[in-house]
N, C-alpha and C. Protein backbone atom coordinates (compact mmCIF):
# COMPACT_ATOMS: atom_id res chain seq x y z
N MET A 1 1.07 -12.64 30.37
CA MET A 1 0.45 -12.38 29.84
C MET A 1 -0.10 -11.33 28.79
N GLY A 2 0.48 -10.07 29.64
CA GLY A 2 0.11 -9.08 29.10
C GLY A 2 1.09 -8.79 27.83
N ALA A 3 2.48 -9.52 28.04
CA ALA A 3 3.43 -9.26 26.97
C ALA A 3 2.88 -9.86 25.43
N ILE A 4 2.26 -10.83 25.47
CA ILE A 4 1.56 -11.60 24.59
C ILE A 4 0.45 -10.99 23.49
N LEU A 5 -0.34 -9.98 24.22
CA LEU A 5 -1.28 -9.59 23.56
C LEU A 5 -0.97 -8.69 22.33
N PRO A 6 0.30 -7.89 22.34
CA PRO A 6 0.47 -7.19 20.96
C PRO A 6 0.31 -8.51 19.58
N TYR A 7 1.39 -9.14 20.25
CA TYR A 7 1.52 -10.55 19.57
C TYR A 7 0.33 -10.79 18.69
N ILE A 8 -0.83 -11.43 19.46
CA ILE A 8 -2.03 -11.69 19.19
C ILE A 8 -3.07 -10.82 18.34
N ALA A 9 -2.34 -9.39 18.89
CA ALA A 9 -3.56 -8.20 17.53
C ALA A 9 -2.64 -8.50 16.72
N THR A 10 -1.91 -8.76 16.44
CA THR A 10 -0.78 -8.45 15.04
C THR A 10 -1.08 -9.34 14.30
N THR A 11 -1.38 -10.49 14.87
CA THR A 11 -2.25 -12.27 14.15
C THR A 11 -3.48 -11.88 13.71
N VAL A 12 -4.63 -11.07 14.45
CA VAL A 12 -5.24 -11.07 14.37
C VAL A 12 -6.06 -9.90 12.92
N ALA A 13 -4.85 -8.92 13.05
CA ALA A 13 -4.58 -7.65 11.94
C ALA A 13 -4.12 -8.48 10.53
N ALA A 14 -2.97 -9.49 10.46
CA ALA A 14 -2.54 -10.25 9.76
C ALA A 14 -3.58 -11.10 8.83
N LEU A 15 -4.41 -11.94 9.73
CA LEU A 15 -5.47 -12.65 9.45
C LEU A 15 -6.36 -12.18 8.73
N GLY A 16 -6.93 -10.86 9.07
CA GLY A 16 -7.88 -10.04 8.06
C GLY A 16 -6.85 -9.87 6.80
N LEU A 17 -6.21 -9.60 6.54
CA LEU A 17 -5.25 -8.81 5.28
C LEU A 17 -5.32 -10.15 4.63
N LEU A 18 -4.98 -11.30 5.16
CA LEU A 18 -5.27 -12.61 4.31
C LEU A 18 -6.29 -12.86 3.72
N THR A 19 -7.04 -12.50 4.35
CA THR A 19 -8.36 -13.09 4.73
C THR A 19 -8.94 -12.13 3.03
N VAL A 20 -8.80 -10.68 3.43
CA VAL A 20 -9.05 -9.91 2.25
C VAL A 20 -8.13 -10.33 0.65
N LEU A 21 -7.43 -10.32 0.76
CA LEU A 21 -6.10 -10.30 -0.20
C LEU A 21 -6.85 -11.85 -0.92
N ALA A 22 -7.27 -13.09 -0.17
CA ALA A 22 -7.11 -14.32 -0.61
C ALA A 22 -8.76 -14.97 -0.92
N ALA A 23 -9.61 -13.88 -0.09
CA ALA A 23 -11.25 -14.40 -0.88
C ALA A 23 -11.63 -14.05 -2.25
N ARG A 24 -12.48 -14.87 -2.63
CA ARG A 24 -12.96 -14.72 -3.80
C ARG A 24 -14.50 -13.86 -3.85
N GLN A 25 -15.04 -14.54 -2.73
CA GLN A 25 -16.25 -13.59 -2.52
C GLN A 25 -16.22 -12.86 -2.01
N ARG A 26 -17.33 -11.56 -2.00
CA ARG A 26 -17.72 -9.94 -1.36
C ARG A 26 -17.92 -10.39 -0.01
N PRO A 27 -18.71 -10.84 0.56
CA PRO A 27 -18.98 -10.99 2.45
C PRO A 27 -17.61 -11.50 2.90
N ALA A 28 -16.64 -12.56 2.36
CA ALA A 28 -15.43 -12.88 2.94
C ALA A 28 -14.04 -11.68 2.95
N ARG A 29 -14.25 -11.07 1.95
CA ARG A 29 -13.92 -10.11 2.17
C ARG A 29 -13.77 -8.95 3.13
N LEU A 30 -14.87 -9.00 2.85
CA LEU A 30 -15.52 -7.51 3.86
C LEU A 30 -15.67 -8.23 5.19
N GLY A 31 -15.63 -9.55 5.10
CA GLY A 31 -15.04 -10.00 6.53
C GLY A 31 -13.78 -10.30 7.09
N GLY A 32 -13.20 -10.22 6.39
CA GLY A 32 -11.52 -9.99 6.47
C GLY A 32 -11.67 -8.57 6.64
N GLY A 33 -11.69 -8.03 6.13
CA GLY A 33 -11.30 -6.46 6.41
C GLY A 33 -12.00 -5.87 7.66
N LEU A 34 -13.08 -6.18 7.76
CA LEU A 34 -13.62 -6.09 9.40
C LEU A 34 -12.68 -6.77 10.72
N LEU A 35 -11.99 -8.20 10.40
CA LEU A 35 -11.06 -8.78 11.28
C LEU A 35 -9.73 -7.92 11.16
N GLY A 36 -9.57 -7.38 9.89
CA GLY A 36 -8.14 -6.55 10.16
C GLY A 36 -8.56 -5.40 11.06
N LEU A 37 -9.68 -4.83 10.58
CA LEU A 37 -9.68 -3.43 11.25
C LEU A 37 -9.53 -3.65 12.82
N ALA A 38 -10.26 -4.71 13.35
CA ALA A 38 -10.46 -5.29 14.86
C ALA A 38 -9.29 -5.05 15.16
N GLY A 39 -7.90 -6.07 14.78
CA GLY A 39 -6.82 -6.18 14.85
C GLY A 39 -5.84 -4.41 15.04
N LEU A 40 -5.98 -4.30 14.22
CA LEU A 40 -5.43 -2.76 14.19
C LEU A 40 -5.79 -1.81 15.14
N THR A 41 -7.62 -1.97 15.45
CA THR A 41 -7.94 -1.15 16.41
C THR A 41 -7.57 -2.23 18.12
N TRP A 42 -7.17 -3.13 17.92
CA TRP A 42 -6.49 -3.70 19.43
C TRP A 42 -5.27 -2.87 19.45
N LEU A 43 -4.15 -3.11 18.22
CA LEU A 43 -3.38 -2.72 18.51
C LEU A 43 -2.75 -1.38 19.12
N TRP A 44 -4.23 -0.35 18.24
CA TRP A 44 -3.68 1.25 18.63
C TRP A 44 -4.38 0.83 20.09
N ILE A 45 -5.25 0.82 20.61
CA ILE A 45 -5.37 0.45 22.43
C ILE A 45 -4.40 0.22 23.18
N LEU A 46 -3.72 -1.04 22.54
CA LEU A 46 -2.86 -1.73 22.89
C LEU A 46 -1.33 -0.20 23.37
N ALA A 47 -1.30 0.35 22.10
CA ALA A 47 -0.32 0.93 22.32
C ALA A 47 -0.55 2.15 23.08
N GLY A 48 -1.89 2.79 22.98
CA GLY A 48 -2.27 3.79 23.59
C GLY A 48 -2.14 3.56 25.18
N SER A 49 -2.32 2.12 25.43
CA SER A 49 -2.42 2.05 27.23
C SER A 49 -0.61 1.60 27.47
N LEU A 50 0.48 2.19 26.78
CA LEU A 50 1.96 1.95 27.49
C LEU A 50 2.10 3.23 27.85
N PRO A 51 2.93 3.01 29.20
CA PRO A 51 3.13 4.16 29.61
C PRO A 51 4.13 5.29 28.61
N GLY A 52 4.31 6.59 28.85
CA GLY A 52 4.98 7.12 28.21
C GLY A 52 4.65 7.85 26.58
N GLY A 53 3.21 7.50 26.77
CA GLY A 53 2.26 7.70 25.26
C GLY A 53 2.76 8.69 24.70
N VAL A 54 2.25 9.09 23.31
CA VAL A 54 1.44 10.11 23.02
C VAL A 54 0.84 11.31 23.68
N GLU A 55 1.50 12.51 24.10
CA GLU A 55 0.38 13.37 24.59
C GLU A 55 -0.16 14.07 24.19
N ASP A 56 -0.12 14.36 22.53
CA ASP A 56 -1.06 15.05 21.85
C ASP A 56 -1.92 14.21 21.43
N VAL A 57 -3.10 14.79 21.70
CA VAL A 57 -4.27 13.76 21.28
C VAL A 57 -4.88 13.87 19.73
N ALA A 58 -4.26 15.24 18.81
CA ALA A 58 -4.52 15.35 17.67
C ALA A 58 -3.02 14.62 17.25
N ALA A 59 -2.02 14.56 17.10
CA ALA A 59 -1.02 14.25 16.40
C ALA A 59 -1.28 12.56 16.29
N GLU A 60 -2.17 11.87 17.93
CA GLU A 60 -2.24 10.39 17.83
C GLU A 60 -3.52 10.13 16.81
N VAL A 61 -4.28 11.06 16.61
CA VAL A 61 -5.28 11.01 15.59
C VAL A 61 -5.31 11.07 14.45
N PHE A 62 -4.42 11.98 14.07
CA PHE A 62 -3.66 12.04 12.71
C PHE A 62 -2.77 10.76 12.22
N VAL A 63 -2.08 10.52 12.86
CA VAL A 63 -0.76 9.54 12.98
C VAL A 63 -2.42 8.16 12.48
N LEU A 64 -3.09 8.22 13.52
CA LEU A 64 -3.95 6.74 13.31
C LEU A 64 -4.59 7.13 11.74
N ILE A 65 -5.24 8.31 11.39
CA ILE A 65 -6.18 8.58 10.01
C ILE A 65 -4.67 7.97 8.85
N PHE A 66 -3.51 8.31 9.17
CA PHE A 66 -2.50 8.74 8.01
C PHE A 66 -2.11 7.28 8.27
N SER A 67 -2.14 6.26 8.89
CA SER A 67 -1.94 4.76 8.86
C SER A 67 -3.14 4.05 8.37
N LEU A 68 -3.73 4.24 9.07
CA LEU A 68 -5.34 3.63 8.16
C LEU A 68 -5.52 3.69 6.64
N ILE A 69 -4.83 5.06 6.11
CA ILE A 69 -5.06 5.56 4.49
C ILE A 69 -4.19 4.47 3.85
N ALA A 70 -2.92 4.53 4.90
CA ALA A 70 -1.55 3.99 4.15
C ALA A 70 -2.02 2.57 3.93
N VAL A 71 -2.58 1.59 4.67
CA VAL A 71 -3.21 0.51 5.16
C VAL A 71 -3.86 0.17 3.94
N ALA A 72 -4.93 0.47 3.85
CA ALA A 72 -6.16 0.65 2.66
C ALA A 72 -5.75 0.71 1.35
N ALA A 73 -4.41 1.92 1.42
CA ALA A 73 -4.41 2.10 0.03
C ALA A 73 -3.19 0.74 -0.79
N ALA A 74 -2.63 0.61 0.50
CA ALA A 74 -1.79 -0.65 0.08
C ALA A 74 -2.16 -1.79 -0.63
N VAL A 75 -3.64 -1.88 0.44
CA VAL A 75 -4.38 -3.01 -0.23
C VAL A 75 -4.74 -3.03 -1.14
N GLN A 76 -5.34 -1.82 -1.81
CA GLN A 76 -5.71 -1.82 -3.17
C GLN A 76 -4.83 -1.61 -4.23
N MET A 77 -3.56 -1.01 -3.90
CA MET A 77 -2.62 -1.24 -4.77
C MET A 77 -2.20 -2.76 -5.37
N ILE A 78 -2.32 -3.77 -4.00
CA ILE A 78 -2.20 -4.91 -4.44
C ILE A 78 -3.38 -5.84 -5.25
N VAL A 79 -4.50 -5.38 -4.72
CA VAL A 79 -5.56 -6.22 -5.85
C VAL A 79 -6.14 -5.84 -6.63
N GLN A 80 -5.59 -4.18 -6.92
CA GLN A 80 -5.53 -3.68 -8.43
C GLN A 80 -5.43 -4.70 -9.54
N GLN A 81 -6.25 -4.58 -10.59
CA GLN A 81 -5.78 -5.16 -11.71
C GLN A 81 -5.14 -4.38 -12.78
N ARG A 82 -5.23 -3.26 -13.08
CA ARG A 82 -4.77 -2.26 -13.98
C ARG A 82 -3.63 -1.52 -13.25
N PRO A 83 -2.84 -1.82 -13.80
CA PRO A 83 -1.06 -1.15 -13.15
C PRO A 83 -1.31 0.65 -12.95
N VAL A 84 -1.86 1.14 -14.06
CA VAL A 84 -2.08 2.88 -13.29
C VAL A 84 -2.86 3.02 -12.32
N TYR A 85 -4.09 1.95 -11.55
CA TYR A 85 -4.43 2.16 -10.38
C TYR A 85 -3.77 1.88 -9.72
N SER A 86 -2.90 1.09 -9.60
CA SER A 86 -2.07 0.26 -8.78
C SER A 86 -0.61 1.53 -8.33
N ALA A 87 -0.40 2.15 -9.60
CA ALA A 87 0.81 3.24 -9.54
C ALA A 87 -0.08 4.42 -8.59
N LEU A 88 -1.52 4.61 -8.74
CA LEU A 88 -2.09 5.63 -8.06
C LEU A 88 -1.85 5.24 -6.59
N PHE A 89 -2.72 4.31 -6.49
CA PHE A 89 -2.63 3.65 -5.03
C PHE A 89 -0.76 3.90 -4.44
N PHE A 90 -0.30 3.57 -5.15
CA PHE A 90 1.38 3.76 -4.38
C PHE A 90 1.40 5.13 -4.01
N VAL A 91 1.05 6.05 -4.92
CA VAL A 91 1.23 7.54 -4.55
C VAL A 91 0.25 7.80 -3.10
N LEU A 92 -0.96 7.41 -3.47
CA LEU A 92 -1.19 7.34 -2.09
C LEU A 92 -0.99 7.05 -0.42
N VAL A 93 -0.24 5.63 -1.06
CA VAL A 93 0.69 5.48 0.09
C VAL A 93 1.95 5.77 0.43
N VAL A 94 2.41 6.31 -0.44
CA VAL A 94 3.70 6.93 -0.52
C VAL A 94 3.66 8.92 0.53
N LEU A 95 2.02 9.24 -0.29
CA LEU A 95 2.05 10.48 0.69
C LEU A 95 1.24 10.14 2.02
N SER A 96 0.68 8.99 2.43
CA SER A 96 0.58 8.81 3.82
C SER A 96 1.07 8.54 4.84
N VAL A 97 2.22 8.15 4.09
CA VAL A 97 3.51 7.87 4.85
C VAL A 97 4.53 8.85 5.60
N CYS A 98 4.30 9.87 4.33
CA CYS A 98 5.01 10.84 4.76
C CYS A 98 4.23 11.68 5.61
N GLY A 99 2.87 11.57 5.67
CA GLY A 99 2.04 12.89 6.67
C GLY A 99 2.03 12.10 7.90
N VAL A 100 2.14 10.64 8.22
CA VAL A 100 2.91 10.21 9.67
C VAL A 100 4.68 10.47 9.97
N LEU A 101 5.31 10.25 9.10
CA LEU A 101 6.73 10.90 9.31
C LEU A 101 6.47 12.17 9.33
N VAL A 102 5.70 12.99 8.71
CA VAL A 102 5.92 14.81 9.41
C VAL A 102 5.22 14.66 10.87
N MET A 103 3.91 13.97 11.20
CA MET A 103 3.43 13.69 12.49
C MET A 103 4.55 13.04 13.14
N LEU A 104 5.76 12.11 13.04
CA LEU A 104 6.69 12.40 14.03
C LEU A 104 7.67 13.22 13.76
N GLU A 105 8.06 14.15 13.30
CA GLU A 105 8.61 15.11 13.27
C GLU A 105 9.58 14.41 12.43
N ALA A 106 9.81 13.64 11.18
CA ALA A 106 10.75 13.06 10.67
C ALA A 106 11.12 14.04 9.22
N PHE A 107 10.82 15.21 8.95
CA PHE A 107 10.80 16.07 7.97
C PHE A 107 11.30 15.66 6.79
N PHE A 108 13.33 15.70 6.83
CA PHE A 108 13.99 15.16 5.86
C PHE A 108 13.47 13.92 5.27
N VAL A 109 13.04 13.22 5.99
CA VAL A 109 12.94 11.32 5.68
C VAL A 109 11.48 11.66 4.63
N ALA A 110 10.90 12.45 5.52
CA ALA A 110 9.20 12.38 4.61
C ALA A 110 9.66 13.14 3.20
N PHE A 111 10.42 14.30 3.09
CA PHE A 111 10.77 14.98 2.05
C PHE A 111 11.28 14.08 1.09
N ALA A 112 12.48 13.17 1.66
CA ALA A 112 13.15 12.38 0.95
C ALA A 112 12.27 11.24 0.09
N LEU A 113 11.43 10.49 0.66
CA LEU A 113 10.53 9.65 0.62
C LEU A 113 9.72 9.95 -0.76
N VAL A 114 9.08 11.63 -0.55
CA VAL A 114 8.08 12.17 -1.93
C VAL A 114 9.08 12.56 -3.06
N ILE A 115 10.41 13.07 -2.76
CA ILE A 115 11.17 13.06 -4.40
C ILE A 115 12.00 11.66 -4.95
N VAL A 116 11.96 11.00 -3.66
CA VAL A 116 12.73 9.81 -4.45
C VAL A 116 11.42 8.57 -5.23
N TYR A 117 10.21 8.73 -4.53
CA TYR A 117 9.27 7.55 -4.68
C TYR A 117 8.39 8.30 -5.57
N ALA A 118 7.85 9.17 -5.16
CA ALA A 118 6.73 9.74 -6.27
C ALA A 118 7.37 10.57 -7.57
N GLY A 119 8.74 11.11 -6.88
CA GLY A 119 9.26 12.24 -7.91
C GLY A 119 9.57 11.47 -9.10
N ALA A 120 10.67 10.39 -8.72
CA ALA A 120 11.65 9.97 -10.00
C ALA A 120 11.07 8.43 -10.19
N ILE A 121 10.93 7.06 -9.25
CA ILE A 121 10.29 5.99 -9.56
C ILE A 121 9.15 6.22 -10.34
N LEU A 122 7.98 6.51 -9.29
CA LEU A 122 6.87 6.44 -10.16
C LEU A 122 6.69 7.49 -11.42
N ILE A 123 7.25 8.41 -11.50
CA ILE A 123 6.92 9.04 -13.33
C ILE A 123 7.25 7.77 -13.97
N THR A 124 8.68 7.23 -13.48
CA THR A 124 9.35 6.68 -14.95
C THR A 124 8.65 5.32 -15.09
N TYR A 125 7.79 4.79 -14.17
CA TYR A 125 6.96 3.49 -13.88
C TYR A 125 5.60 4.35 -14.81
N MET A 126 5.20 5.55 -14.86
CA MET A 126 4.00 5.90 -15.56
C MET A 126 4.58 5.74 -16.99
N PHE A 127 5.68 6.82 -17.37
CA PHE A 127 6.54 6.41 -18.77
C PHE A 127 5.75 5.10 -19.46
N VAL A 128 6.38 4.47 -18.77
CA VAL A 128 7.01 2.70 -19.09
C VAL A 128 5.20 2.56 -20.02
N LEU A 129 4.39 2.38 -18.29
CA LEU A 129 2.96 2.41 -18.54
C LEU A 129 2.32 2.81 -20.08
N MET A 130 3.01 4.24 -20.40
CA MET A 130 1.81 4.63 -21.20
C MET A 130 2.81 4.52 -22.39
N LEU A 131 3.84 4.49 -22.51
CA LEU A 131 4.76 3.78 -24.10
C LEU A 131 4.51 2.21 -24.33
N ALA A 132 4.10 1.63 -23.27
CA ALA A 132 4.18 -0.16 -23.82
C ALA A 132 2.46 -0.02 -23.71
N ARG A 133 2.59 -0.07 -25.67
CA ARG A 133 0.99 -0.26 -25.36
C ARG A 133 0.44 -1.81 -25.11
N GLN A 134 -0.77 -2.31 -25.21
CA GLN A 134 -1.11 -3.48 -25.08
C GLN A 134 -2.10 -4.22 -25.91
N ALA A 135 -1.68 -5.35 -26.64
CA ALA A 135 -2.82 -5.47 -27.63
C ALA A 135 -4.42 -6.03 -26.73
N SER A 136 -5.32 -5.67 -27.39
CA SER A 136 -6.78 -5.96 -26.77
C SER A 136 -7.31 -7.30 -26.96
N ASP A 137 -6.65 -7.62 -28.74
CA ASP A 137 -6.73 -9.17 -28.87
C ASP A 137 -5.48 -9.86 -29.98
N THR A 138 -6.12 -11.26 -30.24
CA THR A 138 -4.33 -11.45 -31.35
C THR A 138 -4.60 -10.98 -32.46
N GLU A 139 -6.47 -10.50 -32.79
CA GLU A 139 -6.21 -9.74 -34.40
C GLU A 139 -5.82 -8.37 -34.79
N HIS A 140 -5.18 -7.75 -33.51
CA HIS A 140 -4.66 -6.37 -33.80
C HIS A 140 -3.38 -6.49 -33.21
N GLU A 141 -2.69 -7.77 -33.41
CA GLU A 141 -1.21 -7.92 -33.05
C GLU A 141 0.21 -7.21 -33.17
N GLY A 142 -0.60 -7.51 -35.15
CA GLY A 142 0.35 -6.77 -36.43
C GLY A 142 0.36 -5.29 -36.05
N GLU A 143 -0.46 -4.72 -35.13
CA GLU A 143 -0.48 -2.84 -34.66
C GLU A 143 0.51 -2.44 -34.19
N ILE A 144 1.16 -3.62 -33.08
CA ILE A 144 1.88 -3.11 -32.11
C ILE A 144 3.15 -3.35 -32.77
N PRO A 145 4.14 -2.99 -32.38
CA PRO A 145 5.75 -2.48 -32.67
C PRO A 145 6.29 -3.57 -32.13
N SER A 146 7.13 -4.46 -32.83
CA SER A 146 8.12 -5.45 -32.73
C SER A 146 8.94 -5.32 -31.04
N TYR A 147 9.11 -4.25 -30.77
CA TYR A 147 9.99 -4.06 -29.37
C TYR A 147 8.59 -3.97 -28.34
N ASP A 148 7.49 -4.39 -28.34
CA ASP A 148 6.49 -4.61 -27.43
C ASP A 148 5.96 -5.94 -27.87
N ARG A 149 6.59 -6.79 -28.96
CA ARG A 149 5.88 -8.21 -29.39
C ARG A 149 6.84 -8.95 -28.64
N VAL A 150 8.26 -8.79 -28.95
CA VAL A 150 9.30 -9.97 -28.74
C VAL A 150 10.17 -9.27 -27.63
N PRO A 151 9.91 -10.39 -26.47
CA PRO A 151 11.23 -9.78 -25.54
C PRO A 151 12.48 -9.55 -25.34
N ARG A 152 13.15 -8.78 -24.82
CA ARG A 152 14.56 -9.11 -25.32
C ARG A 152 15.11 -9.79 -24.08
N ASP A 153 16.28 -10.45 -24.51
CA ASP A 153 16.55 -11.28 -23.61
C ASP A 153 18.38 -10.93 -23.61
N PRO A 154 18.76 -10.38 -22.47
CA PRO A 154 19.92 -9.99 -22.00
C PRO A 154 21.16 -10.76 -22.42
N VAL A 155 20.68 -12.17 -21.66
CA VAL A 155 22.00 -13.02 -22.50
C VAL A 155 22.01 -13.23 -23.93
N SER A 156 21.26 -13.05 -24.75
CA SER A 156 21.90 -13.36 -26.29
C SER A 156 22.58 -12.36 -26.96
N ALA A 157 22.15 -10.59 -25.63
CA ALA A 157 23.27 -9.38 -26.38
C ALA A 157 24.36 -10.01 -26.01
């Protein structure tokens, strides 16, 4: 029975995340968030009871904090309707994952993650968001340049 407990805790956390993403009412989303948090807490307790765990309590606490920030920011990144806010939450996810990697003493991987994702991909994404203007309604459609109105099809090229 002890070998199946981590799978049950992971399923509880996944159901909580699914409820947060799928529910439309605020109480249901709050309940899903609490269910997901309970599942993650249960997983953390199970991981702490393993033999040969982390000796340093401060490192364990920081890993937990960075992990919770990463999960919360990832959920917000998916749920956000504005792409700019989604990109900013992506930065928070990358930085919190880097915090976890630093706590695990994987400095090169953390540095490479910041350089590749936050330094290159996200900056390019932000430039695309800033350069592509969106029409607020159909009456101002003539103000948008043709390259933003007409999609390019690579097959016709």
